[in-house]
Amino acid sequence: MSKVLVVGSVNADITLKMDAMPKPGQCLLAQNVTKSMGGKGLNQGIAMARQEVYTTFVGKVGRDSHAAAVENELKKNGVHAALLYSDHAPTGEAYILLENNAQNRIIVYGGANQDYTKDDLAKITALIDEHDALLVQLEISLPILQKIIQYAVSRGKFIVVDCGPAQAGILDYFAGVSVV
C-alpha cells in the first residue's frame, strides 16, 4: 500500500451565513454561524484517508484549544497525525462570509501555518523518507515549503503541489515536481 504524506495548512473555520455582504461601514447580523476545522492541507489529508489511502498529515498548530479539535478531526477520519506545535503563534483561522446565493469571501489568518522552523523541517524530511508520495499546498511558510519540495525531489518521491492560493514568482519552487 502506498503511503502519502500531506504537509499543509490547518485552520479553525468560522463560517457566517448571511443574506448579502455588508457594504463599507455597514453592520449586518448573520443568520447562522458554524465552526469546524479546515485548511487546504487538513481537508486534503482527510480526503485521501477517506479513499482508503494510508495518509499522514503534518500541520502546525498553536498551543490552544483548536489543537485538540484538529487531533480529534484527524483521528475521526483515519488520518495519522504528525502535528507540530508553535510556541509563538496560535492555530490559523479562516473567517468565511457566505451569502445565501453561495457567494463567499474568505479571510485567513495564517498563525502557526507561517511559523515553521528548521527543527520542523528536520521532522518533515524524516517523514518524507517514510512515505511514497508528498502532497503540499501554498498555505504554509513558502521558504520552508521550497525546502520540503527540494528534499522530496532529491529522494525521488512522487510530488503533487496544489497551487492554491496562487502566488506570483514561485515557479522555480516546482522544479522536479510530478504534478502541479
N, C-alpha and C. Protein backbone atom coordinates (compact mmCIF):
# COMPACT_ATOMS: atom_id res chain seq x y z
N MET A 1 0.83 -1.18 0.00
CA MET A 1 0.00 0.00 0.00
C MET A 1 0.88 1.25 0.00
N SER A 2 0.57 2.19 -0.88
CA SER A 2 1.31 3.46 -0.92
C SER A 2 0.98 4.31 0.30
N LYS A 3 1.99 5.04 0.73
CA LYS A 3 1.83 5.92 1.87
C LYS A 3 2.01 7.36 1.40
N VAL A 4 1.03 8.21 1.72
CA VAL A 4 1.06 9.61 1.30
C VAL A 4 1.26 10.51 2.51
N LEU A 5 2.18 11.45 2.36
CA LEU A 5 2.41 12.47 3.38
C LEU A 5 1.82 13.77 2.86
N VAL A 6 0.91 14.34 3.63
CA VAL A 6 0.33 15.65 3.31
C VAL A 6 0.92 16.65 4.29
N VAL A 7 1.57 17.68 3.76
CA VAL A 7 2.10 18.75 4.59
C VAL A 7 1.35 20.00 4.19
N GLY A 8 0.62 20.58 5.14
CA GLY A 8 -0.18 21.74 4.74
C GLY A 8 -0.81 22.46 5.89
N SER A 9 -1.70 23.34 5.50
CA SER A 9 -2.32 24.25 6.46
C SER A 9 -3.44 23.58 7.24
N VAL A 10 -3.65 24.12 8.41
CA VAL A 10 -4.78 23.75 9.25
C VAL A 10 -5.32 25.03 9.87
N ASN A 11 -6.63 25.19 9.78
CA ASN A 11 -7.29 26.38 10.31
C ASN A 11 -8.55 26.01 11.05
N ALA A 12 -8.90 26.85 12.00
CA ALA A 12 -10.23 26.79 12.59
C ALA A 12 -11.09 27.66 11.68
N ASP A 13 -12.12 27.06 11.08
CA ASP A 13 -13.00 27.78 10.17
C ASP A 13 -14.22 28.30 10.92
N ILE A 14 -14.48 29.59 10.77
CA ILE A 14 -15.68 30.20 11.33
C ILE A 14 -16.48 30.72 10.15
N THR A 15 -17.65 30.12 9.91
CA THR A 15 -18.47 30.48 8.75
C THR A 15 -19.70 31.24 9.22
N LEU A 16 -19.89 32.42 8.64
CA LEU A 16 -21.05 33.25 8.93
C LEU A 16 -21.95 33.27 7.71
N LYS A 17 -23.19 32.80 7.85
CA LYS A 17 -24.13 32.80 6.74
C LYS A 17 -24.99 34.05 6.82
N MET A 18 -25.16 34.71 5.64
CA MET A 18 -25.89 35.97 5.63
C MET A 18 -26.61 36.16 4.30
N ASP A 19 -27.59 37.08 4.28
CA ASP A 19 -28.32 37.36 3.05
C ASP A 19 -27.41 37.98 2.00
N ALA A 20 -26.59 38.94 2.41
CA ALA A 20 -25.71 39.65 1.48
C ALA A 20 -24.49 40.15 2.26
N MET A 21 -23.44 40.49 1.53
CA MET A 21 -22.23 41.01 2.17
C MET A 21 -22.49 42.44 2.66
N PRO A 22 -21.89 42.80 3.78
CA PRO A 22 -22.05 44.18 4.24
C PRO A 22 -21.31 45.15 3.32
N LYS A 23 -21.88 46.31 3.20
CA LYS A 23 -21.22 47.39 2.45
C LYS A 23 -20.26 48.09 3.41
N PRO A 24 -19.30 48.86 2.89
CA PRO A 24 -18.38 49.56 3.78
C PRO A 24 -19.13 50.39 4.84
N GLY A 25 -18.76 50.21 6.07
CA GLY A 25 -19.37 50.94 7.17
C GLY A 25 -20.68 50.36 7.67
N GLN A 26 -21.17 49.30 7.04
CA GLN A 26 -22.45 48.70 7.40
C GLN A 26 -22.24 47.53 8.36
N CYS A 27 -23.16 47.37 9.30
CA CYS A 27 -23.14 46.24 10.23
C CYS A 27 -24.36 45.37 9.93
N LEU A 28 -24.14 44.09 9.70
CA LEU A 28 -25.24 43.16 9.44
C LEU A 28 -25.23 42.05 10.47
N LEU A 29 -26.39 41.47 10.69
CA LEU A 29 -26.48 40.31 11.57
C LEU A 29 -26.41 39.04 10.73
N ALA A 30 -25.62 38.08 11.18
CA ALA A 30 -25.53 36.80 10.49
C ALA A 30 -26.75 35.96 10.85
N GLN A 31 -27.15 35.10 9.90
CA GLN A 31 -28.28 34.19 10.15
C GLN A 31 -27.83 32.96 10.93
N ASN A 32 -26.56 32.60 10.75
CA ASN A 32 -26.06 31.37 11.35
C ASN A 32 -24.53 31.45 11.44
N VAL A 33 -23.97 30.76 12.40
CA VAL A 33 -22.52 30.63 12.49
C VAL A 33 -22.19 29.16 12.73
N THR A 34 -21.18 28.67 12.00
CA THR A 34 -20.71 27.30 12.23
C THR A 34 -19.20 27.36 12.43
N LYS A 35 -18.72 26.43 13.22
CA LYS A 35 -17.28 26.33 13.47
C LYS A 35 -16.85 24.92 13.14
N SER A 36 -15.76 24.80 12.41
CA SER A 36 -15.23 23.49 12.03
C SER A 36 -13.73 23.61 11.81
N MET A 37 -13.08 22.49 11.60
CA MET A 37 -11.66 22.50 11.31
C MET A 37 -11.48 22.43 9.79
N GLY A 38 -10.52 23.17 9.27
CA GLY A 38 -10.29 23.19 7.84
C GLY A 38 -8.86 23.56 7.50
N GLY A 39 -8.70 24.18 6.35
CA GLY A 39 -7.39 24.45 5.76
C GLY A 39 -7.21 23.48 4.61
N LYS A 40 -6.60 23.95 3.52
CA LYS A 40 -6.41 23.08 2.35
C LYS A 40 -5.70 21.78 2.71
N GLY A 41 -4.66 21.88 3.50
CA GLY A 41 -3.89 20.69 3.86
C GLY A 41 -4.71 19.68 4.65
N LEU A 42 -5.37 20.15 5.69
CA LEU A 42 -6.18 19.26 6.52
C LEU A 42 -7.28 18.61 5.68
N ASN A 43 -7.98 19.42 4.87
CA ASN A 43 -9.06 18.88 4.05
C ASN A 43 -8.54 17.84 3.06
N GLN A 44 -7.38 18.07 2.46
CA GLN A 44 -6.84 17.11 1.50
C GLN A 44 -6.37 15.84 2.19
N GLY A 45 -5.81 15.97 3.38
CA GLY A 45 -5.41 14.79 4.14
C GLY A 45 -6.61 13.91 4.47
N ILE A 46 -7.70 14.53 4.89
CA ILE A 46 -8.91 13.78 5.20
C ILE A 46 -9.48 13.14 3.94
N ALA A 47 -9.48 13.87 2.83
CA ALA A 47 -9.99 13.32 1.56
C ALA A 47 -9.19 12.09 1.14
N MET A 48 -7.86 12.14 1.30
CA MET A 48 -7.02 10.99 0.94
C MET A 48 -7.37 9.78 1.81
N ALA A 49 -7.48 10.01 3.11
CA ALA A 49 -7.78 8.89 4.02
C ALA A 49 -9.16 8.30 3.73
N ARG A 50 -10.11 9.12 3.35
CA ARG A 50 -11.45 8.61 3.02
C ARG A 50 -11.44 7.74 1.77
N GLN A 51 -10.40 7.86 0.97
CA GLN A 51 -10.23 6.99 -0.21
C GLN A 51 -9.43 5.75 0.15
N GLU A 52 -9.25 5.53 1.45
CA GLU A 52 -8.54 4.38 2.00
C GLU A 52 -7.06 4.37 1.61
N VAL A 53 -6.48 5.55 1.49
CA VAL A 53 -5.06 5.71 1.25
C VAL A 53 -4.40 5.95 2.62
N TYR A 54 -3.30 5.24 2.89
CA TYR A 54 -2.57 5.47 4.13
C TYR A 54 -2.04 6.90 4.08
N THR A 55 -2.53 7.75 4.98
CA THR A 55 -2.22 9.18 4.94
C THR A 55 -1.70 9.66 6.28
N THR A 56 -0.59 10.38 6.22
CA THR A 56 -0.08 11.07 7.39
C THR A 56 -0.18 12.56 7.11
N PHE A 57 -0.68 13.31 8.06
CA PHE A 57 -0.82 14.75 7.90
C PHE A 57 0.13 15.47 8.85
N VAL A 58 0.90 16.41 8.28
CA VAL A 58 1.74 17.30 9.07
C VAL A 58 1.18 18.71 8.91
N GLY A 59 0.84 19.31 10.01
CA GLY A 59 0.40 20.70 10.02
C GLY A 59 0.87 21.31 11.32
N LYS A 60 0.93 22.62 11.35
CA LYS A 60 1.41 23.29 12.55
C LYS A 60 0.26 24.03 13.22
N VAL A 61 0.10 23.77 14.50
CA VAL A 61 -0.97 24.37 15.28
C VAL A 61 -0.39 25.11 16.47
N GLY A 62 -1.20 25.97 17.05
CA GLY A 62 -0.79 26.66 18.27
C GLY A 62 -1.05 25.79 19.47
N ARG A 63 -0.56 26.22 20.59
CA ARG A 63 -0.85 25.50 21.84
C ARG A 63 -2.14 26.11 22.40
N ASP A 64 -3.24 25.77 21.74
CA ASP A 64 -4.54 26.35 22.07
C ASP A 64 -5.63 25.30 21.94
N SER A 65 -6.85 25.70 22.18
CA SER A 65 -7.97 24.75 22.16
C SER A 65 -8.21 24.16 20.78
N HIS A 66 -7.81 24.85 19.72
CA HIS A 66 -8.01 24.32 18.37
C HIS A 66 -7.15 23.08 18.11
N ALA A 67 -6.00 22.98 18.76
CA ALA A 67 -5.10 21.85 18.52
C ALA A 67 -5.78 20.52 18.84
N ALA A 68 -6.49 20.44 19.94
CA ALA A 68 -7.19 19.21 20.30
C ALA A 68 -8.28 18.89 19.29
N ALA A 69 -8.97 19.91 18.82
CA ALA A 69 -10.02 19.71 17.82
C ALA A 69 -9.43 19.17 16.51
N VAL A 70 -8.25 19.65 16.14
CA VAL A 70 -7.58 19.15 14.94
C VAL A 70 -7.22 17.67 15.12
N GLU A 71 -6.62 17.35 16.25
CA GLU A 71 -6.26 15.95 16.53
C GLU A 71 -7.48 15.04 16.45
N ASN A 72 -8.59 15.48 17.04
CA ASN A 72 -9.82 14.68 17.01
C ASN A 72 -10.34 14.51 15.60
N GLU A 73 -10.31 15.56 14.81
CA GLU A 73 -10.79 15.51 13.42
C GLU A 73 -9.95 14.53 12.60
N LEU A 74 -8.65 14.57 12.76
CA LEU A 74 -7.78 13.65 12.03
C LEU A 74 -8.04 12.21 12.46
N LYS A 75 -8.11 11.98 13.75
CA LYS A 75 -8.35 10.62 14.26
C LYS A 75 -9.69 10.09 13.78
N LYS A 76 -10.72 10.92 13.86
CA LYS A 76 -12.07 10.52 13.44
C LYS A 76 -12.10 10.09 11.97
N ASN A 77 -11.22 10.68 11.17
CA ASN A 77 -11.20 10.41 9.73
C ASN A 77 -10.10 9.45 9.29
N GLY A 78 -9.42 8.82 10.24
CA GLY A 78 -8.44 7.81 9.92
C GLY A 78 -7.12 8.33 9.37
N VAL A 79 -6.80 9.58 9.69
CA VAL A 79 -5.54 10.19 9.25
C VAL A 79 -4.53 10.08 10.38
N HIS A 80 -3.32 9.67 10.05
CA HIS A 80 -2.24 9.61 11.03
C HIS A 80 -1.72 11.03 11.23
N ALA A 81 -1.75 11.51 12.45
CA ALA A 81 -1.37 12.88 12.75
C ALA A 81 0.09 12.97 13.16
N ALA A 82 0.79 13.93 12.58
CA ALA A 82 2.16 14.25 12.99
C ALA A 82 2.20 15.77 13.16
N LEU A 83 1.39 16.26 14.10
CA LEU A 83 1.26 17.71 14.28
C LEU A 83 2.50 18.31 14.90
N LEU A 84 2.78 19.53 14.50
CA LEU A 84 3.86 20.33 15.06
C LEU A 84 3.19 21.45 15.85
N TYR A 85 3.84 21.90 16.91
CA TYR A 85 3.25 22.91 17.78
C TYR A 85 4.08 24.17 17.81
N SER A 86 3.41 25.31 17.71
CA SER A 86 4.07 26.60 17.77
C SER A 86 3.96 27.17 19.18
N ASP A 87 5.08 27.69 19.66
CA ASP A 87 5.06 28.40 20.93
C ASP A 87 4.87 29.90 20.72
N HIS A 88 4.80 30.31 19.44
CA HIS A 88 4.78 31.74 19.12
C HIS A 88 3.51 32.22 18.44
N ALA A 89 2.71 31.29 17.92
CA ALA A 89 1.54 31.70 17.15
C ALA A 89 0.38 30.74 17.42
N PRO A 90 -0.84 31.25 17.36
CA PRO A 90 -2.00 30.38 17.54
C PRO A 90 -2.29 29.60 16.25
N THR A 91 -3.15 28.62 16.36
CA THR A 91 -3.63 27.89 15.19
C THR A 91 -4.26 28.90 14.22
N GLY A 92 -4.05 28.68 12.93
CA GLY A 92 -4.62 29.57 11.92
C GLY A 92 -6.14 29.60 12.00
N GLU A 93 -6.71 30.67 11.49
CA GLU A 93 -8.16 30.82 11.48
C GLU A 93 -8.61 31.34 10.13
N ALA A 94 -9.77 30.86 9.69
CA ALA A 94 -10.36 31.35 8.44
C ALA A 94 -11.77 31.83 8.76
N TYR A 95 -12.06 33.04 8.32
CA TYR A 95 -13.38 33.63 8.52
C TYR A 95 -14.06 33.64 7.16
N ILE A 96 -15.14 32.87 7.06
CA ILE A 96 -15.82 32.67 5.78
C ILE A 96 -17.17 33.37 5.85
N LEU A 97 -17.33 34.38 4.99
CA LEU A 97 -18.60 35.09 4.88
C LEU A 97 -19.35 34.45 3.72
N LEU A 98 -20.48 33.83 4.00
CA LEU A 98 -21.20 33.05 3.00
C LEU A 98 -22.60 33.63 2.79
N GLU A 99 -22.85 34.07 1.55
CA GLU A 99 -24.18 34.59 1.21
C GLU A 99 -25.12 33.44 0.89
N ASN A 100 -26.42 33.69 0.97
CA ASN A 100 -27.42 32.67 0.65
C ASN A 100 -27.30 32.17 -0.78
N ASN A 101 -26.78 32.99 -1.69
CA ASN A 101 -26.62 32.57 -3.09
C ASN A 101 -25.30 31.82 -3.32
N ALA A 102 -24.62 31.44 -2.25
CA ALA A 102 -23.38 30.64 -2.25
C ALA A 102 -22.13 31.43 -2.60
N GLN A 103 -22.23 32.74 -2.81
CA GLN A 103 -21.04 33.56 -2.99
C GLN A 103 -20.35 33.69 -1.63
N ASN A 104 -19.01 33.69 -1.65
CA ASN A 104 -18.33 33.80 -0.37
C ASN A 104 -17.12 34.70 -0.47
N ARG A 105 -16.65 35.09 0.67
CA ARG A 105 -15.41 35.82 0.83
C ARG A 105 -14.72 35.19 2.04
N ILE A 106 -13.42 34.94 1.89
CA ILE A 106 -12.69 34.26 2.95
C ILE A 106 -11.49 35.10 3.36
N ILE A 107 -11.35 35.29 4.64
CA ILE A 107 -10.21 36.00 5.21
C ILE A 107 -9.46 34.99 6.08
N VAL A 108 -8.16 34.79 5.80
CA VAL A 108 -7.38 33.80 6.53
C VAL A 108 -6.29 34.49 7.34
N TYR A 109 -6.21 34.11 8.60
CA TYR A 109 -5.08 34.49 9.45
C TYR A 109 -4.22 33.24 9.56
N GLY A 110 -3.00 33.27 9.00
CA GLY A 110 -2.15 32.08 8.92
C GLY A 110 -1.70 31.53 10.26
N GLY A 111 -1.41 32.38 11.21
CA GLY A 111 -0.98 31.92 12.53
C GLY A 111 0.17 30.93 12.44
N ALA A 112 0.02 29.78 13.09
CA ALA A 112 1.07 28.77 13.16
C ALA A 112 1.44 28.21 11.79
N ASN A 113 0.56 28.32 10.80
CA ASN A 113 0.89 27.86 9.45
C ASN A 113 2.12 28.57 8.88
N GLN A 114 2.42 29.73 9.40
CA GLN A 114 3.55 30.52 8.91
C GLN A 114 4.75 30.46 9.87
N ASP A 115 4.69 29.61 10.87
CA ASP A 115 5.70 29.61 11.93
C ASP A 115 6.58 28.35 11.92
N TYR A 116 6.89 27.83 10.73
CA TYR A 116 7.74 26.63 10.63
C TYR A 116 9.19 26.99 10.91
N THR A 117 9.92 26.07 11.54
CA THR A 117 11.31 26.28 11.92
C THR A 117 12.21 25.23 11.26
N LYS A 118 13.51 25.37 11.44
CA LYS A 118 14.46 24.37 10.95
C LYS A 118 14.23 23.02 11.63
N ASP A 119 13.87 23.03 12.90
CA ASP A 119 13.57 21.78 13.60
C ASP A 119 12.35 21.09 12.99
N ASP A 120 11.35 21.89 12.63
CA ASP A 120 10.17 21.32 11.97
C ASP A 120 10.56 20.70 10.63
N LEU A 121 11.42 21.37 9.90
CA LEU A 121 11.87 20.87 8.60
C LEU A 121 12.55 19.51 8.77
N ALA A 122 13.36 19.36 9.80
CA ALA A 122 14.03 18.08 10.05
C ALA A 122 13.02 16.97 10.31
N LYS A 123 11.98 17.27 11.07
CA LYS A 123 10.93 16.27 11.34
C LYS A 123 10.20 15.90 10.05
N ILE A 124 9.94 16.89 9.22
CA ILE A 124 9.20 16.64 7.97
C ILE A 124 10.05 15.83 7.00
N THR A 125 11.33 16.15 6.88
CA THR A 125 12.16 15.39 5.94
C THR A 125 12.27 13.93 6.38
N ALA A 126 12.31 13.67 7.69
CA ALA A 126 12.33 12.27 8.17
C ALA A 126 11.04 11.56 7.76
N LEU A 127 9.91 12.26 7.82
CA LEU A 127 8.64 11.66 7.40
C LEU A 127 8.59 11.44 5.90
N ILE A 128 9.18 12.35 5.12
CA ILE A 128 9.21 12.18 3.66
C ILE A 128 9.88 10.85 3.33
N ASP A 129 10.96 10.53 4.03
CA ASP A 129 11.69 9.28 3.78
C ASP A 129 10.82 8.04 4.04
N GLU A 130 9.81 8.16 4.89
CA GLU A 130 8.95 7.03 5.25
C GLU A 130 7.72 6.89 4.34
N HIS A 131 7.54 7.82 3.41
CA HIS A 131 6.35 7.83 2.56
C HIS A 131 6.71 7.75 1.08
N ASP A 132 5.74 7.34 0.28
CA ASP A 132 5.96 7.19 -1.16
C ASP A 132 5.67 8.47 -1.94
N ALA A 133 4.74 9.28 -1.41
CA ALA A 133 4.30 10.47 -2.13
C ALA A 133 4.11 11.62 -1.16
N LEU A 134 4.18 12.83 -1.73
CA LEU A 134 4.03 14.06 -0.95
C LEU A 134 3.00 14.94 -1.62
N LEU A 135 2.07 15.47 -0.83
CA LEU A 135 1.06 16.43 -1.30
C LEU A 135 1.21 17.69 -0.47
N VAL A 136 1.40 18.83 -1.15
CA VAL A 136 1.55 20.12 -0.46
C VAL A 136 0.69 21.18 -1.13
N GLN A 137 0.48 22.28 -0.43
CA GLN A 137 -0.23 23.44 -0.93
C GLN A 137 0.59 24.68 -0.61
N LEU A 138 0.08 25.84 -0.96
CA LEU A 138 0.85 27.08 -0.76
C LEU A 138 0.37 27.90 0.43
N GLU A 139 -0.22 27.25 1.42
CA GLU A 139 -0.73 28.00 2.57
C GLU A 139 0.19 27.95 3.78
N ILE A 140 1.37 27.35 3.63
CA ILE A 140 2.32 27.36 4.74
C ILE A 140 3.51 28.23 4.35
N SER A 141 4.44 28.39 5.26
CA SER A 141 5.63 29.21 5.04
C SER A 141 6.32 28.82 3.72
N LEU A 142 6.40 29.75 2.77
CA LEU A 142 6.97 29.42 1.47
C LEU A 142 8.45 29.03 1.51
N PRO A 143 9.30 29.69 2.30
CA PRO A 143 10.71 29.24 2.34
C PRO A 143 10.84 27.79 2.83
N ILE A 144 10.04 27.39 3.80
CA ILE A 144 10.08 26.01 4.28
C ILE A 144 9.49 25.08 3.22
N LEU A 145 8.41 25.50 2.59
CA LEU A 145 7.79 24.68 1.54
C LEU A 145 8.78 24.40 0.42
N GLN A 146 9.54 25.39 0.02
CA GLN A 146 10.54 25.20 -1.03
C GLN A 146 11.55 24.13 -0.62
N LYS A 147 12.00 24.17 0.63
CA LYS A 147 12.97 23.17 1.11
C LYS A 147 12.35 21.79 1.19
N ILE A 148 11.08 21.71 1.57
CA ILE A 148 10.38 20.43 1.62
C ILE A 148 10.33 19.82 0.22
N ILE A 149 9.94 20.62 -0.75
CA ILE A 149 9.85 20.13 -2.13
C ILE A 149 11.23 19.70 -2.64
N GLN A 150 12.24 20.52 -2.41
CA GLN A 150 13.59 20.18 -2.87
C GLN A 150 14.06 18.86 -2.27
N TYR A 151 13.77 18.65 -0.99
CA TYR A 151 14.18 17.41 -0.34
C TYR A 151 13.45 16.22 -0.96
N ALA A 152 12.15 16.34 -1.15
CA ALA A 152 11.36 15.24 -1.72
C ALA A 152 11.82 14.93 -3.15
N VAL A 153 12.16 15.95 -3.92
CA VAL A 153 12.68 15.74 -5.28
C VAL A 153 13.99 14.95 -5.20
N SER A 154 14.87 15.34 -4.27
CA SER A 154 16.16 14.67 -4.14
C SER A 154 16.01 13.19 -3.74
N ARG A 155 14.88 12.85 -3.14
CA ARG A 155 14.62 11.47 -2.72
C ARG A 155 13.80 10.70 -3.76
N GLY A 156 13.48 11.36 -4.88
CA GLY A 156 12.74 10.69 -5.94
C GLY A 156 11.28 10.42 -5.62
N LYS A 157 10.70 11.20 -4.75
CA LYS A 157 9.30 11.00 -4.36
C LYS A 157 8.35 11.54 -5.42
N PHE A 158 7.15 10.96 -5.46
CA PHE A 158 6.08 11.49 -6.31
C PHE A 158 5.49 12.68 -5.55
N ILE A 159 5.49 13.85 -6.19
CA ILE A 159 5.11 15.09 -5.50
C ILE A 159 3.97 15.77 -6.25
N VAL A 160 2.93 16.11 -5.49
CA VAL A 160 1.80 16.86 -6.02
C VAL A 160 1.74 18.19 -5.28
N VAL A 161 1.67 19.28 -6.06
CA VAL A 161 1.54 20.61 -5.47
C VAL A 161 0.21 21.20 -5.91
N ASP A 162 -0.63 21.52 -4.93
CA ASP A 162 -1.87 22.27 -5.18
C ASP A 162 -1.47 23.73 -5.07
N CYS A 163 -1.53 24.44 -6.16
CA CYS A 163 -1.03 25.82 -6.22
C CYS A 163 -2.00 26.85 -5.65
N GLY A 164 -2.73 26.49 -4.65
CA GLY A 164 -3.64 27.45 -4.04
C GLY A 164 -3.15 27.81 -2.64
N PRO A 165 -3.26 29.06 -2.29
CA PRO A 165 -3.68 30.16 -3.14
C PRO A 165 -2.56 30.57 -4.10
N ALA A 166 -2.94 30.94 -5.30
CA ALA A 166 -1.97 31.31 -6.34
C ALA A 166 -1.08 32.45 -5.85
N GLN A 167 0.21 32.35 -6.17
CA GLN A 167 1.16 33.38 -5.78
C GLN A 167 2.16 33.59 -6.90
N ALA A 168 2.55 34.81 -7.09
CA ALA A 168 3.48 35.16 -8.17
C ALA A 168 4.92 34.87 -7.76
N GLY A 169 5.76 34.57 -8.76
CA GLY A 169 7.19 34.50 -8.55
C GLY A 169 7.72 33.24 -7.89
N ILE A 170 6.98 32.13 -7.94
CA ILE A 170 7.46 30.93 -7.25
C ILE A 170 7.56 29.71 -8.17
N LEU A 171 7.53 29.90 -9.45
CA LEU A 171 7.60 28.77 -10.38
C LEU A 171 8.86 27.93 -10.17
N ASP A 172 9.97 28.54 -9.79
CA ASP A 172 11.20 27.80 -9.55
C ASP A 172 11.06 26.77 -8.42
N TYR A 173 10.10 26.98 -7.52
CA TYR A 173 9.88 26.05 -6.42
C TYR A 173 9.50 24.66 -6.92
N PHE A 174 8.92 24.60 -8.14
CA PHE A 174 8.28 23.39 -8.60
C PHE A 174 9.17 22.53 -9.52
N ALA A 175 10.43 22.86 -9.62
CA ALA A 175 11.34 22.05 -10.45
C ALA A 175 11.39 20.63 -9.91
N GLY A 176 11.08 19.65 -10.75
CA GLY A 176 11.13 18.26 -10.36
C GLY A 176 9.84 17.72 -9.77
N VAL A 177 8.83 18.56 -9.65
CA VAL A 177 7.54 18.14 -9.09
C VAL A 177 6.79 17.29 -10.12
N SER A 178 6.10 16.26 -9.65
CA SER A 178 5.37 15.34 -10.53
C SER A 178 4.11 15.97 -11.12
N VAL A 179 3.30 16.62 -10.29
CA VAL A 179 2.04 17.20 -10.73
C VAL A 179 1.87 18.56 -10.05
N VAL A 180 1.58 19.58 -10.85
CA VAL A 180 1.29 20.91 -10.32
C VAL A 180 -0.15 21.24 -10.62
